Amino acid sequence: MADTTYALQQVVSGPNGSADKVAAQMDRPVAAKTGSSSDNKSAQFVGFTPQVVTAVTLYQTGADGSEESIEPWGDYEEITGSTYPADIFINYMTVAHEGLEVEEFPQPAELLATRGGTVPQTAKPTGEPEEEATATLLLRPRRLRPPPRSRPPSRRRRAPRSLRGRRPSHRTPRRSLEEARTTAVTTTRTVMAAAKVAATMAAAAKVAATMAAAETAAAAKVAATMAAATMAAAETAAAARVAATMAAATMVATTAGARAASASATSPRRMSTRLLIGP
């Protein structure tokens, strides 16, 4: 990192630097890098000190928003990173560092500079190393065996152990045919028996439904008969009450008649008595 910073310092302070005016106008160590795109459609200047880093970029757009080459103006015939971007960097960083102490970058390693600046002194090489006695161990080369060839997996399905070593027979054995026939006959009989059971269950259900309907009709008839009997009993009770009422009325009438007759029989005597006693 120190070597990279040293190389970037040469951009703004070395005799061959493209923006040597930056270090000349600032009172502190600065490192930076200039840049521009193809056809000068943009220009950049990125620099830093031990305390602050700043990046400045310029570009020009057309009426449709596309990038265009920056048209020169002012004191520069061509707009690059070392022109107006460097000037803006100097003006901003001068104000940004007001009141800050001057700090130095770390010292670089003893490496040759690739562009500008002084060539650092490299360390002098030491004497040739002394030869040390080393034991040489001779190893007998070992013969390597070639790796075993891997066979591709077979797609054929292996036959069961009971059939291995036998030739496949394309004829169906007679025993298999007999077993198939027996199975078919058994299956047919089972199906027919199940059909008969289903038919019997359907008939039983029909009989049960008929019996339930008959029982319902009989119950209805019994209910009607009981209702008629209840009505007849009610009518009989009403007739009995009427007869009793009439009998009671007859007895009352008879009693009243008897009393009237007895009254009529006693009244003439009283009148005759009065006549005999009178003056």
Protein backbone atom coordinates (compact mmCIF):
# COMPACT_ATOMS: atom_id res chain seq x y z
CA MET A 1 0.00 0.00 0.00
CA ALA A 2 2.86 2.40 0.79
CA ASP A 3 4.40 1.72 -2.64
CA THR A 4 1.09 2.45 -4.39
CA THR A 5 0.73 5.72 -2.49
CA TYR A 6 4.32 6.66 -3.41
CA ALA A 7 3.57 5.98 -7.10
CA LEU A 8 0.42 8.14 -6.97
CA GLN A 9 2.39 10.95 -5.36
CA GLN A 10 4.54 11.15 -8.49
CA VAL A 11 1.41 12.04 -10.53
CA VAL A 12 1.03 15.37 -8.72
CA SER A 13 4.58 16.17 -7.60
CA GLY A 14 7.07 14.54 -9.92
CA PRO A 15 8.62 16.31 -12.91
CA ASN A 16 6.81 13.97 -15.26
CA GLY A 17 3.49 14.10 -13.47
CA SER A 18 0.41 14.99 -15.46
CA ALA A 19 -0.96 17.15 -12.60
CA ASP A 20 2.17 18.46 -10.87
CA LYS A 21 0.38 21.73 -10.15
CA VAL A 22 -1.65 20.05 -7.38
CA ALA A 23 1.29 19.47 -5.03
CA ALA A 24 2.68 22.91 -5.86
CA GLN A 25 -0.54 24.64 -4.70
CA MET A 26 -1.17 22.51 -1.60
CA ASP A 27 0.98 22.68 1.53
CA ARG A 28 0.78 18.98 2.37
CA PRO A 29 1.48 15.55 0.82
CA VAL A 30 -1.05 14.57 -1.87
CA ALA A 31 -1.53 11.46 -4.00
CA ALA A 32 -3.88 11.31 -6.98
CA LYS A 33 -4.72 9.81 -10.37
CA THR A 34 -6.11 11.48 -13.48
CA GLY A 35 -8.32 9.81 -16.06
CA SER A 36 -10.51 10.36 -19.13
CA SER A 37 -12.73 8.16 -21.28
CA SER A 38 -12.64 7.58 -25.02
CA ASP A 39 -13.20 10.69 -27.15
CA ASN A 40 -12.96 12.78 -23.96
CA LYS A 41 -16.60 12.08 -23.08
CA SER A 42 -15.67 12.27 -19.39
CA ALA A 43 -12.73 13.48 -17.30
CA GLN A 44 -11.87 12.40 -13.72
CA PHE A 45 -9.47 13.36 -10.96
CA VAL A 46 -9.32 11.28 -7.76
CA GLY A 47 -6.90 12.33 -5.01
CA PHE A 48 -6.38 11.96 -1.29
CA THR A 49 -4.32 13.05 1.68
CA PRO A 50 -3.79 11.12 4.92
CA GLN A 51 -7.06 12.71 6.19
CA VAL A 52 -9.43 13.35 3.21
CA VAL A 53 -10.19 11.73 -0.15
CA THR A 54 -12.10 13.45 -3.00
CA ALA A 55 -13.20 12.46 -6.51
CA VAL A 56 -14.17 14.92 -9.28
CA THR A 57 -15.70 13.96 -12.64
CA LEU A 58 -16.93 16.00 -15.63
CA TYR A 59 -19.12 14.85 -18.51
CA GLN A 60 -21.35 16.34 -21.21
CA THR A 61 -24.75 15.07 -22.39
CA GLY A 62 -26.69 15.90 -25.52
CA ALA A 63 -30.32 16.88 -25.97
CA ASP A 64 -31.41 13.21 -26.01
CA GLY A 65 -29.41 12.40 -22.84
CA SER A 66 -26.57 10.55 -24.61
CA GLU A 67 -22.92 11.22 -23.74
CA GLU A 68 -20.98 13.60 -25.94
CA SER A 69 -17.36 14.68 -26.14
CA ILE A 70 -16.69 17.56 -23.79
CA GLU A 71 -16.29 20.80 -25.71
CA PRO A 72 -13.20 22.78 -24.53
CA TRP A 73 -13.64 26.19 -22.97
CA GLY A 74 -11.63 28.70 -21.03
CA ASP A 75 -7.88 28.24 -20.76
CA TYR A 76 -7.74 24.64 -21.98
CA GLU A 77 -7.87 23.38 -25.54
CA GLU A 78 -8.76 19.84 -24.39
CA ILE A 79 -10.63 18.75 -21.28
CA THR A 80 -8.87 15.95 -19.40
CA GLY A 81 -8.53 14.90 -15.77
CA SER A 82 -5.58 17.27 -15.19
CA THR A 83 -7.51 20.39 -16.28
CA TYR A 84 -10.71 21.55 -14.61
CA PRO A 85 -11.16 18.40 -12.46
CA ALA A 86 -7.70 19.01 -10.92
CA ASP A 87 -8.49 22.71 -10.40
CA ILE A 88 -11.76 21.85 -8.62
CA PHE A 89 -9.88 19.32 -6.48
CA ILE A 90 -7.32 21.95 -5.40
CA ASN A 91 -9.99 24.52 -4.49
CA TYR A 92 -12.08 22.05 -2.50
CA MET A 93 -9.22 20.31 -0.66
CA THR A 94 -7.65 23.65 0.33
CA VAL A 95 -10.83 24.61 2.16
CA ALA A 96 -11.42 21.09 3.53
CA HIS A 97 -7.97 20.99 5.20
CA GLU A 98 -8.20 24.30 6.98
CA GLY A 99 -7.33 23.71 10.64
CA LEU A 100 -6.01 20.17 10.03
CA GLU A 101 -2.46 19.19 10.88
CA VAL A 102 -0.06 18.20 8.13
CA GLU A 103 0.48 14.43 8.13
CA GLU A 104 2.89 12.35 6.08
CA PHE A 105 2.25 9.21 4.10
CA PRO A 106 3.99 5.99 5.21
CA GLN A 107 7.49 5.41 3.83
CA PRO A 108 7.59 3.21 0.73
CA ALA A 109 9.60 0.01 0.44
CA GLU A 110 12.97 -0.09 -1.30
CA LEU A 111 11.57 -0.56 -4.81
CA LEU A 112 12.44 1.14 -8.09
CA ALA A 113 10.09 3.86 -9.27
CA THR A 114 8.42 3.19 -12.62
CA ARG A 115 7.66 6.78 -13.53
CA GLY A 116 9.22 10.07 -12.36
CA GLY A 117 10.80 10.82 -9.02
CA THR A 118 14.16 9.75 -7.71
CA VAL A 119 15.39 6.20 -7.85
CA PRO A 120 15.60 4.81 -4.32
CA GLN A 121 18.79 3.10 -3.22
CA THR A 122 18.39 -0.63 -2.98
CA ALA A 123 20.04 -2.66 -0.27
CA LYS A 124 23.41 -4.18 -1.15
CA PRO A 125 23.36 -7.92 -1.58
CA THR A 126 25.17 -10.03 0.96
CA GLY A 127 27.93 -12.44 0.17
CA GLU A 128 27.31 -15.69 -1.60
CA PRO A 129 25.84 -18.33 0.70
CA GLU A 130 28.19 -21.01 1.86
CA GLU A 131 27.62 -24.48 0.53
CA GLU A 132 26.43 -26.91 3.10
CA ALA A 133 27.03 -30.62 2.93
CA THR A 134 23.80 -32.36 2.16
CA ALA A 135 23.18 -36.07 1.99
CA THR A 136 21.77 -37.28 -1.29
CA LEU A 137 19.23 -40.06 -1.05
CA LEU A 138 18.77 -42.07 -4.19
CA LEU A 139 15.30 -43.46 -4.58
CA ARG A 140 14.51 -46.31 -6.85
CA PRO A 141 11.63 -45.40 -9.14
CA ARG A 142 8.57 -47.42 -8.41
CA ARG A 143 6.73 -49.02 -11.23
CA LEU A 144 3.18 -47.82 -11.30
CA ARG A 145 0.40 -50.14 -12.33
CA PRO A 146 -2.22 -48.82 -14.70
CA PRO A 147 -5.58 -48.27 -13.07
CA PRO A 148 -8.15 -50.97 -13.70
CA ARG A 149 -10.54 -50.34 -16.51
CA SER A 150 -14.02 -49.51 -15.39
CA ARG A 151 -16.76 -51.26 -17.33
CA PRO A 152 -19.90 -49.32 -18.09
CA PRO A 153 -22.92 -50.53 -16.16
CA SER A 154 -24.98 -53.08 -18.04
CA ARG A 155 -28.54 -52.13 -18.85
CA ARG A 156 -29.67 -55.73 -19.05
CA ARG A 157 -31.76 -56.99 -16.19
CA ARG A 158 -30.24 -59.99 -14.51
CA ALA A 159 -32.36 -63.12 -14.35
CA PRO A 160 -33.18 -64.70 -10.96
CA ARG A 161 -30.78 -67.29 -9.67
CA SER A 162 -33.23 -70.12 -10.29
CA LEU A 163 -33.20 -69.35 -14.04
CA ARG A 164 -29.50 -68.64 -14.47
CA GLY A 165 -27.76 -71.06 -16.80
CA ARG A 166 -31.02 -72.06 -18.53
CA ARG A 167 -32.04 -71.16 -21.99
CA PRO A 168 -35.14 -69.02 -22.19
CA SER A 169 -38.15 -70.92 -23.51
CA HIS A 170 -40.51 -69.13 -25.87
CA ARG A 171 -43.28 -71.67 -25.34
CA THR A 172 -45.72 -71.37 -22.50
CA PRO A 173 -45.66 -74.57 -20.39
CA ARG A 174 -48.81 -76.67 -20.21
CA ARG A 175 -48.91 -76.31 -16.45
CA SER A 176 -49.14 -72.54 -16.70
CA LEU A 177 -52.11 -72.82 -19.09
CA GLU A 178 -53.95 -75.12 -16.71
CA GLU A 179 -53.32 -72.79 -13.80
CA ALA A 180 -54.61 -69.84 -15.85
CA ARG A 181 -57.77 -71.73 -16.78
CA THR A 182 -58.38 -72.76 -13.19
CA THR A 183 -57.91 -69.23 -12.03
CA ALA A 184 -60.33 -67.94 -14.69
CA VAL A 185 -63.00 -70.49 -13.76
CA THR A 186 -62.64 -69.70 -10.07
CA THR A 187 -62.88 -66.00 -10.73
CA THR A 188 -66.02 -66.47 -12.87
CA ARG A 189 -67.71 -68.56 -10.21
CA THR A 190 -66.86 -66.01 -7.57
CA VAL A 191 -68.33 -63.23 -9.67
CA MET A 192 -71.54 -65.20 -10.33
CA ALA A 193 -71.95 -66.05 -6.65
CA ALA A 194 -71.48 -62.41 -5.75
CA ALA A 195 -74.13 -61.46 -8.34
CA LYS A 196 -76.60 -63.96 -6.86
CA VAL A 197 -75.99 -62.66 -3.37
CA ALA A 198 -76.58 -59.13 -4.59
CA ALA A 199 -79.86 -60.14 -6.30
CA THR A 200 -81.05 -61.95 -3.15
CA MET A 201 -80.26 -58.94 -1.03
CA ALA A 202 -82.19 -56.71 -3.45
CA ALA A 203 -85.26 -59.02 -3.30
CA ALA A 204 -85.12 -59.12 0.48
CA ALA A 205 -84.97 -55.35 0.57
CA LYS A 206 -88.02 -55.15 -1.71
CA VAL A 207 -90.01 -57.59 0.51
CA ALA A 208 -89.05 -55.61 3.57
CA ALA A 209 -90.23 -52.42 1.92
CA THR A 210 -93.59 -54.08 0.98
CA MET A 211 -94.10 -55.37 4.50
CA ALA A 212 -93.31 -51.97 5.95
CA ALA A 213 -95.88 -50.40 3.61
CA ALA A 214 -98.53 -53.01 4.61
CA GLU A 215 -97.84 -52.44 8.29
CA THR A 216 -98.17 -48.73 7.77
CA ALA A 217 -101.57 -49.19 6.02
CA ALA A 218 -102.86 -51.51 8.79
CA ALA A 219 -101.76 -49.07 11.42
CA ALA A 220 -103.63 -46.34 9.58
CA LYS A 221 -106.80 -48.48 9.48
CA VAL A 222 -106.56 -49.26 13.20
CA ALA A 223 -106.14 -45.61 13.95
CA ALA A 224 -109.25 -44.76 11.86
CA THR A 225 -111.30 -47.48 13.64
CA MET A 226 -110.22 -46.21 17.04
CA ALA A 227 -111.18 -42.69 16.05
CA ALA A 228 -114.65 -43.87 14.90
CA ALA A 229 -115.18 -45.79 18.13
CA THR A 230 -114.18 -42.76 20.13
CA MET A 231 -116.70 -40.64 18.25
CA ALA A 232 -119.48 -43.25 18.77
CA ALA A 233 -118.76 -43.42 22.46
CA ALA A 234 -118.90 -39.66 22.65
CA GLU A 235 -122.26 -39.61 20.87
CA THR A 236 -123.63 -42.36 23.19
CA ALA A 237 -122.56 -40.42 26.26
CA ALA A 238 -124.22 -37.29 24.91
CA ALA A 239 -127.48 -39.23 24.23
CA ALA A 240 -127.40 -40.67 27.74
CA ARG A 241 -127.01 -37.21 29.17
CA VAL A 242 -129.98 -35.96 27.14
CA ALA A 243 -132.12 -38.90 28.29
CA ALA A 244 -131.18 -38.30 31.91
CA THR A 245 -132.01 -34.64 31.56
CA MET A 246 -135.39 -35.48 30.02
CA ALA A 247 -136.15 -38.00 32.76
CA ALA A 248 -135.29 -35.46 35.39
CA ALA A 249 -137.54 -32.95 33.69
CA THR A 250 -140.37 -35.51 33.57
CA MET A 251 -140.00 -36.25 37.25
CA VAL A 252 -140.11 -32.57 38.07
CA ALA A 253 -143.23 -32.12 35.97
CA THR A 254 -144.92 -35.11 37.65
CA THR A 255 -144.12 -33.81 41.10
CA ALA A 256 -145.49 -30.40 40.21
CA GLY A 257 -148.72 -31.95 38.88
CA ALA A 258 -149.21 -33.99 42.00
CA ARG A 259 -148.80 -30.97 44.18
CA ALA A 260 -151.27 -29.01 42.13
CA ALA A 261 -153.86 -31.76 42.37
CA SER A 262 -153.59 -31.99 46.11
CA ALA A 263 -153.89 -28.24 46.38
CA SER A 264 -157.03 -28.21 44.32
CA ALA A 265 -158.59 -30.92 46.49
CA THR A 266 -158.18 -29.01 49.79
CA SER A 267 -159.18 -25.52 48.66
CA PRO A 268 -163.10 -26.07 48.41
CA ARG A 269 -163.30 -27.23 51.97
CA ARG A 270 -161.76 -24.04 53.12
CA MET A 271 -164.24 -22.02 51.14
CA SER A 272 -167.21 -23.95 52.51
CA THR A 273 -165.95 -23.49 55.94
CA ARG A 274 -165.81 -19.82 55.46
CA LEU A 275 -169.30 -19.83 54.18
CA LEU A 276 -170.65 -21.62 57.17
CA ILE A 277 -169.01 -19.35 59.59
CA GLY A 278 -169.99 -16.14 57.89
CA PRO A 279 -172.99 -14.02 59.10
